[in-house]
Amino acid sequence: MKLLMVIESIKQLQEKESLIAALKIMALGEKDRRQGKGISIAESRAQLAAVRQRHK
Protein backbone atom coordinates (compact mmCIF):
# COMPACT_ATOMS: atom_id res chain seq x y z
CA MET A 1 0.00 0.00 0.00
CA LYS A 2 1.32 3.43 -0.97
CA LEU A 3 0.84 6.51 1.19
CA LEU A 4 -0.02 9.72 -0.62
CA MET A 5 0.26 13.15 0.98
CA VAL A 6 -1.11 16.40 -0.38
CA ILE A 7 0.10 19.71 0.93
CA GLU A 8 -2.06 22.76 0.32
CA SER A 9 -2.36 26.20 1.82
CA ILE A 10 -5.22 27.28 4.07
CA LYS A 11 -6.46 29.51 1.25
CA GLN A 12 -6.50 26.61 -1.20
CA LEU A 13 -8.36 24.44 1.30
CA GLN A 14 -10.96 27.17 1.91
CA GLU A 15 -11.43 27.73 -1.83
CA LYS A 16 -11.87 24.00 -2.39
CA GLU A 17 -14.41 23.75 0.43
CA SER A 18 -16.33 26.76 -0.96
CA LEU A 19 -16.40 25.16 -4.39
CA ILE A 20 -17.66 21.86 -2.97
CA ALA A 21 -20.40 23.70 -1.05
CA ALA A 22 -21.46 25.60 -4.18
CA LEU A 23 -21.58 22.37 -6.21
CA LYS A 24 -23.74 20.72 -3.55
CA ILE A 25 -26.18 23.66 -3.64
CA MET A 26 -26.30 23.48 -7.43
CA ALA A 27 -26.92 19.71 -7.32
CA LEU A 28 -29.79 20.19 -4.86
CA GLY A 29 -31.27 22.91 -7.06
CA GLU A 30 -31.05 20.66 -10.12
CA LYS A 31 -32.71 17.83 -8.20
CA ASP A 32 -35.57 20.15 -7.21
CA ARG A 33 -35.88 21.41 -10.80
CA ARG A 34 -36.17 17.87 -12.14
CA GLN A 35 -38.86 17.11 -9.56
CA GLY A 36 -40.86 20.13 -10.71
CA LYS A 37 -40.28 22.05 -7.48
CA GLY A 38 -38.87 25.14 -9.18
CA ILE A 39 -40.58 28.32 -10.31
CA SER A 40 -40.44 30.16 -13.60
CA ILE A 41 -38.17 33.14 -14.21
CA ALA A 42 -41.21 35.40 -14.47
CA GLU A 43 -42.54 34.14 -11.14
CA SER A 44 -39.13 34.58 -9.53
CA ARG A 45 -38.85 38.15 -10.82
CA ALA A 46 -42.34 38.93 -9.54
CA GLN A 47 -41.43 37.62 -6.08
CA LEU A 48 -38.22 39.69 -6.02
CA ALA A 49 -40.10 42.81 -7.11
CA ALA A 50 -42.67 42.27 -4.35
CA VAL A 51 -39.96 41.89 -1.71
CA ARG A 52 -38.21 45.04 -2.94
CA GLN A 53 -41.50 46.98 -2.80
CA ARG A 54 -42.09 45.90 0.80
CA HIS A 55 -38.59 47.01 1.84
CA LYS A 56 -38.86 50.55 0.44
C-alpha atoms as a PDB file:
ATOM      1  CA  MET A   1       0.000   0.000   0.000  1.00  0.00           C
ATOM      2  CA  LYS A   2       1.320   3.428  -0.969  1.00  0.00           C
ATOM      3  CA  LEU A   3       0.840   6.506   1.187  1.00  0.00           C
ATOM      4  CA  LEU A   4      -0.019   9.718  -0.622  1.00  0.00           C
ATOM      5  CA  MET A   5       0.263  13.153   0.981  1.00  0.00           C
ATOM      6  CA  VAL A   6      -1.105  16.400  -0.382  1.00  0.00           C
ATOM      7  CA  ILE A   7       0.103  19.714   0.928  1.00  0.00           C
ATOM      8  CA  GLU A   8      -2.065  22.760   0.317  1.00  0.00           C
ATOM      9  CA  SER A   9      -2.363  26.198   1.816  1.00  0.00           C
ATOM     10  CA  ILE A  10      -5.216  27.276   4.067  1.00  0.00           C
ATOM     11  CA  LYS A  11      -6.464  29.514   1.246  1.00  0.00           C
ATOM     12  CA  GLN A  12      -6.496  26.606  -1.204  1.00  0.00           C
ATOM     13  CA  LEU A  13      -8.358  24.437   1.300  1.00  0.00           C
ATOM     14  CA  GLN A  14     -10.965  27.168   1.911  1.00  0.00           C
ATOM     15  CA  GLU A  15     -11.434  27.726  -1.827  1.00  0.00           C
ATOM     16  CA  LYS A  16     -11.865  24.001  -2.391  1.00  0.00           C
ATOM     17  CA  GLU A  17     -14.410  23.751   0.431  1.00  0.00           C
ATOM     18  CA  SER A  18     -16.327  26.757  -0.959  1.00  0.00           C
ATOM     19  CA  LEU A  19     -16.405  25.164  -4.392  1.00  0.00           C
ATOM     20  CA  ILE A  20     -17.661  21.863  -2.974  1.00  0.00           C
ATOM     21  CA  ALA A  21     -20.403  23.703  -1.048  1.00  0.00           C
ATOM     22  CA  ALA A  22     -21.464  25.601  -4.183  1.00  0.00           C
ATOM     23  CA  LEU A  23     -21.578  22.372  -6.207  1.00  0.00           C
ATOM     24  CA  LYS A  24     -23.744  20.723  -3.551  1.00  0.00           C
ATOM     25  CA  ILE A  25     -26.179  23.657  -3.636  1.00  0.00           C
ATOM     26  CA  MET A  26     -26.301  23.476  -7.427  1.00  0.00           C
ATOM     27  CA  ALA A  27     -26.925  19.713  -7.319  1.00  0.00           C
ATOM     28  CA  LEU A  28     -29.788  20.186  -4.856  1.00  0.00           C
ATOM     29  CA  GLY A  29     -31.271  22.906  -7.059  1.00  0.00           C
ATOM     30  CA  GLU A  30     -31.046  20.662 -10.118  1.00  0.00           C
ATOM     31  CA  LYS A  31     -32.712  17.833  -8.201  1.00  0.00           C
ATOM     32  CA  ASP A  32     -35.572  20.150  -7.212  1.00  0.00           C
ATOM     33  CA  ARG A  33     -35.884  21.410 -10.804  1.00  0.00           C
ATOM     34  CA  ARG A  34     -36.170  17.867 -12.137  1.00  0.00           C
ATOM     35  CA  GLN A  35     -38.858  17.108  -9.560  1.00  0.00           C
ATOM     36  CA  GLY A  36     -40.861  20.128 -10.707  1.00  0.00           C
ATOM     37  CA  LYS A  37     -40.280  22.055  -7.485  1.00  0.00           C
ATOM     38  CA  GLY A  38     -38.866  25.142  -9.184  1.00  0.00           C
ATOM     39  CA  ILE A  39     -40.579  28.322 -10.306  1.00  0.00           C
ATOM     40  CA  SER A  40     -40.440  30.164 -13.604  1.00  0.00           C
ATOM     41  CA  ILE A  41     -38.175  33.140 -14.212  1.00  0.00           C
ATOM     42  CA  ALA A  42     -41.213  35.399 -14.474  1.00  0.00           C
ATOM     43  CA  GLU A  43     -42.545  34.143 -11.137  1.00  0.00           C
ATOM     44  CA  SER A  44     -39.134  34.583  -9.531  1.00  0.00           C
ATOM     45  CA  ARG A  45     -38.845  38.152 -10.819  1.00  0.00           C
ATOM     46  CA  ALA A  46     -42.337  38.934  -9.540  1.00  0.00           C
ATOM     47  CA  GLN A  47     -41.430  37.618  -6.079  1.00  0.00           C
ATOM     48  CA  LEU A  48     -38.216  39.690  -6.021  1.00  0.00           C
ATOM     49  CA  ALA A  49     -40.097  42.812  -7.110  1.00  0.00           C
ATOM     50  CA  ALA A  50     -42.671  42.269  -4.352  1.00  0.00           C
ATOM     51  CA  VAL A  51     -39.957  41.894  -1.712  1.00  0.00           C
ATOM     52  CA  ARG A  52     -38.209  45.041  -2.941  1.00  0.00           C
ATOM     53  CA  GLN A  53     -41.503  46.975  -2.801  1.00  0.00           C
ATOM     54  CA  ARG A  54     -42.087  45.900   0.802  1.00  0.00           C
ATOM     55  CA  HIS A  55     -38.591  47.007   1.840  1.00  0.00           C
ATOM     56  CA  LYS A  56     -38.862  50.545   0.438  1.00  0.00           C
END
